[in-house]
Structure formats: structure tokens, C-alpha cells
Amino acid sequence: MSTISEKSLNTMPFKRSLVHTEDSYSLTRQQKRVLRLLSEGNSNKVIAARLKITEATVKAHMSEIFRTMNCQNRTQAALMGLCLRFGLPVNIIIGDSEPTTGKSLPEH
């Protein structure tokens, strides 16, 4: 097994990472609320109670969030919600290696 020196790590090229915000996606204000509560680990039942809406409405919002954000499941949506909330690159969740749009982090 070969080791990489600290000096070589500092000179390695890193791909730029795509950083989105909640405004990068066409989510309604209520969908953003649902996504935030989801990313905090809440169930549909808890989300419904907190937002004073039905569980069926939460499920409808979740379906639209999945479609809009191209998420396969609630775990992926929750992780993307956290990335959006804290300004982390979403391509670590969705697997994009080469961003084409959006704000990017500087290369190291």
C-alpha cells in the first residue's frame, strides 16, 4: 500500500463541487418547510402535525419534492435538504462529478 505525503495532497487537483441553495430548485414555501422538517428526521405524521396539514398533503409535497429535486427516496431528499440548508455541495448526494451550472467552490 502506498502512502500519500501531505505535500502531494496539497497539490492534488480536486474537482469543483456544485453548491445549490433552496432557491436553486422550484420548491414552494410549503415544500421548503416540509423538506426542512424531513431533514431534521421527522416522520410524515410529525411534519403534518407541525404544519397543521394532513399526512396526505405531506405525501403529496414529498412526491413533488422528490420529482423536482430528482431524489429516489426520503433519505436522499433529507440529505439534500441538509446540504441545501448548510451550503454543502449536493453532488456528493446525487453523484454528479462535473457541475454545469450553479455556484462552485474554488479549486484547491
C-alpha atoms as a PDB file:
ATOM      1  CA  MET A   1       0.000   0.000   0.000  1.00  0.00           C
ATOM      2  CA  SER A   2       1.401   3.371  -0.958  1.00  0.00           C
ATOM      3  CA  THR A   3       1.038   6.452   1.183  1.00  0.00           C
ATOM      4  CA  ILE A   4       0.448   9.973   0.010  1.00  0.00           C
ATOM      5  CA  SER A   5       2.505  12.698   1.575  1.00  0.00           C
ATOM      6  CA  GLU A   6       0.836  15.798   2.964  1.00  0.00           C
ATOM      7  CA  LYS A   7       2.663  17.894   0.362  1.00  0.00           C
ATOM      8  CA  SER A   8       1.261  15.851  -2.518  1.00  0.00           C
ATOM      9  CA  LEU A   9      -2.252  16.126  -1.063  1.00  0.00           C
ATOM     10  CA  ASN A  10      -1.979  19.915  -1.164  1.00  0.00           C
ATOM     11  CA  THR A  11      -1.055  19.853  -4.852  1.00  0.00           C
ATOM     12  CA  MET A  12      -3.641  17.268  -5.996  1.00  0.00           C
ATOM     13  CA  PRO A  13      -6.318  18.706  -8.275  1.00  0.00           C
ATOM     14  CA  PHE A  14      -9.830  18.456  -6.823  1.00  0.00           C
ATOM     15  CA  LYS A  15     -12.981  18.683  -8.882  1.00  0.00           C
ATOM     16  CA  ARG A  16     -15.201  21.629  -8.182  1.00  0.00           C
ATOM     17  CA  SER A  17     -18.335  20.848  -6.231  1.00  0.00           C
ATOM     18  CA  LEU A  18     -21.745  22.220  -7.114  1.00  0.00           C
ATOM     19  CA  VAL A  19     -23.314  24.226  -4.300  1.00  0.00           C
ATOM     20  CA  HIS A  20     -27.053  24.859  -4.514  1.00  0.00           C
ATOM     21  CA  THR A  21     -29.418  26.779  -2.301  1.00  0.00           C
ATOM     22  CA  GLU A  22     -33.086  26.092  -1.668  1.00  0.00           C
ATOM     23  CA  ASP A  23     -33.822  28.688  -4.339  1.00  0.00           C
ATOM     24  CA  SER A  24     -31.963  26.586  -6.923  1.00  0.00           C
ATOM     25  CA  TYR A  25     -34.999  24.325  -7.056  1.00  0.00           C
ATOM     26  CA  SER A  26     -38.538  25.433  -7.832  1.00  0.00           C
ATOM     27  CA  LEU A  27     -39.953  24.474  -4.451  1.00  0.00           C
ATOM     28  CA  THR A  28     -42.902  26.270  -2.932  1.00  0.00           C
ATOM     29  CA  ARG A  29     -42.583  27.823   0.515  1.00  0.00           C
ATOM     30  CA  GLN A  30     -44.579  24.916   1.998  1.00  0.00           C
ATOM     31  CA  GLN A  31     -42.402  22.325   0.200  1.00  0.00           C
ATOM     32  CA  LYS A  32     -39.319  24.012   1.674  1.00  0.00           C
ATOM     33  CA  ARG A  33     -40.890  23.710   5.129  1.00  0.00           C
ATOM     34  CA  VAL A  34     -41.633  20.023   4.542  1.00  0.00           C
ATOM     35  CA  LEU A  35     -38.078  19.441   3.305  1.00  0.00           C
ATOM     36  CA  ARG A  36     -36.587  21.202   6.329  1.00  0.00           C
ATOM     37  CA  LEU A  37     -38.686  19.142   8.749  1.00  0.00           C
ATOM     38  CA  LEU A  38     -37.807  15.981   6.816  1.00  0.00           C
ATOM     39  CA  SER A  39     -34.095  16.810   7.002  1.00  0.00           C
ATOM     40  CA  GLU A  40     -34.490  17.145  10.780  1.00  0.00           C
ATOM     41  CA  GLY A  41     -35.572  13.485  10.838  1.00  0.00           C
ATOM     42  CA  ASN A  42     -39.305  13.950  11.307  1.00  0.00           C
ATOM     43  CA  SER A  43     -41.902  11.439  10.132  1.00  0.00           C
ATOM     44  CA  ASN A  44     -44.776  12.411   7.819  1.00  0.00           C
ATOM     45  CA  LYS A  45     -47.107  12.296  10.830  1.00  0.00           C
ATOM     46  CA  VAL A  46     -44.949  14.753  12.800  1.00  0.00           C
ATOM     47  CA  ILE A  47     -44.486  17.008   9.764  1.00  0.00           C
ATOM     48  CA  ALA A  48     -48.264  17.078   9.258  1.00  0.00           C
ATOM     49  CA  ALA A  49     -48.880  17.982  12.891  1.00  0.00           C
ATOM     50  CA  ARG A  50     -46.217  20.709  12.937  1.00  0.00           C
ATOM     51  CA  LEU A  51     -47.510  22.304   9.730  1.00  0.00           C
ATOM     52  CA  LYS A  52     -51.195  21.721  10.597  1.00  0.00           C
ATOM     53  CA  ILE A  53     -51.833  19.839   7.350  1.00  0.00           C
ATOM     54  CA  THR A  54     -52.902  16.248   6.623  1.00  0.00           C
ATOM     55  CA  GLU A  55     -50.491  13.368   6.127  1.00  0.00           C
ATOM     56  CA  ALA A  56     -51.883  13.019   2.601  1.00  0.00           C
ATOM     57  CA  THR A  57     -50.818  16.612   1.900  1.00  0.00           C
ATOM     58  CA  VAL A  58     -47.343  15.881   3.297  1.00  0.00           C
ATOM     59  CA  LYS A  59     -47.098  12.848   0.994  1.00  0.00           C
ATOM     60  CA  ALA A  60     -48.143  14.998  -1.972  1.00  0.00           C
ATOM     61  CA  HIS A  61     -45.475  17.580  -1.083  1.00  0.00           C
ATOM     62  CA  MET A  62     -42.901  14.800  -0.679  1.00  0.00           C
ATOM     63  CA  SER A  63     -43.706  13.383  -4.117  1.00  0.00           C
ATOM     64  CA  GLU A  64     -43.262  16.804  -5.679  1.00  0.00           C
ATOM     65  CA  ILE A  65     -40.001  17.369  -3.748  1.00  0.00           C
ATOM     66  CA  PHE A  66     -38.676  14.008  -4.990  1.00  0.00           C
ATOM     67  CA  ARG A  67     -39.632  14.857  -8.577  1.00  0.00           C
ATOM     68  CA  THR A  68     -38.292  18.401  -8.505  1.00  0.00           C
ATOM     69  CA  MET A  69     -35.010  17.504  -6.792  1.00  0.00           C
ATOM     70  CA  ASN A  70     -34.606  14.205  -8.669  1.00  0.00           C
ATOM     71  CA  CYS A  71     -34.460  12.200  -5.427  1.00  0.00           C
ATOM     72  CA  GLN A  72     -35.044   8.469  -5.311  1.00  0.00           C
ATOM     73  CA  ASN A  73     -36.159   8.245  -1.678  1.00  0.00           C
ATOM     74  CA  ARG A  74     -36.728  10.237   1.512  1.00  0.00           C
ATOM     75  CA  THR A  75     -33.214   9.586   2.789  1.00  0.00           C
ATOM     76  CA  GLN A  76     -31.702  11.167  -0.310  1.00  0.00           C
ATOM     77  CA  ALA A  77     -34.158  14.082  -0.065  1.00  0.00           C
ATOM     78  CA  ALA A  78     -33.297  14.576   3.617  1.00  0.00           C
ATOM     79  CA  LEU A  79     -29.561  14.582   2.850  1.00  0.00           C
ATOM     80  CA  MET A  80     -30.042  17.049   0.002  1.00  0.00           C
ATOM     81  CA  GLY A  81     -32.133  19.188   2.343  1.00  0.00           C
ATOM     82  CA  LEU A  82     -29.239  19.269   4.797  1.00  0.00           C
ATOM     83  CA  CYS A  83     -26.793  20.150   2.020  1.00  0.00           C
ATOM     84  CA  LEU A  84     -29.051  22.999   0.893  1.00  0.00           C
ATOM     85  CA  ARG A  85     -29.544  24.220   4.437  1.00  0.00           C
ATOM     86  CA  PHE A  86     -25.842  24.300   5.288  1.00  0.00           C
ATOM     87  CA  GLY A  87     -24.429  25.275   1.881  1.00  0.00           C
ATOM     88  CA  LEU A  88     -22.756  21.924   1.199  1.00  0.00           C
ATOM     89  CA  PRO A  89     -22.225  20.570  -2.324  1.00  0.00           C
ATOM     90  CA  VAL A  90     -25.186  18.456  -3.430  1.00  0.00           C
ATOM     91  CA  ASN A  91     -23.190  16.420  -5.929  1.00  0.00           C
ATOM     92  CA  ILE A  92     -21.949  14.262  -3.050  1.00  0.00           C
ATOM     93  CA  ILE A  93     -25.564  13.107  -2.735  1.00  0.00           C
ATOM     94  CA  ILE A  94     -26.687  12.984  -6.370  1.00  0.00           C
ATOM     95  CA  GLY A  95     -23.390  11.720  -7.763  1.00  0.00           C
ATOM     96  CA  ASP A  96     -22.619  14.480 -10.262  1.00  0.00           C
ATOM     97  CA  SER A  97     -18.899  14.766 -10.784  1.00  0.00           C
ATOM     98  CA  GLU A  98     -18.873  17.641 -13.251  1.00  0.00           C
ATOM     99  CA  PRO A  99     -21.176  20.525 -12.390  1.00  0.00           C
ATOM    100  CA  THR A 100     -22.504  22.520 -15.290  1.00  0.00           C
ATOM    101  CA  THR A 101     -24.375  25.302 -13.531  1.00  0.00           C
ATOM    102  CA  GLY A 102     -24.601  26.968 -10.182  1.00  0.00           C
ATOM    103  CA  LYS A 103     -22.096  28.446  -7.800  1.00  0.00           C
ATOM    104  CA  SER A 104     -18.992  26.335  -7.324  1.00  0.00           C
ATOM    105  CA  LEU A 105     -16.334  26.122  -4.677  1.00  0.00           C
ATOM    106  CA  PRO A 106     -12.810  27.229  -5.593  1.00  0.00           C
ATOM    107  CA  GLU A 107     -10.320  24.583  -6.650  1.00  0.00           C
ATOM    108  CA  HIS A 108      -7.666  23.699  -4.095  1.00  0.00           C
END
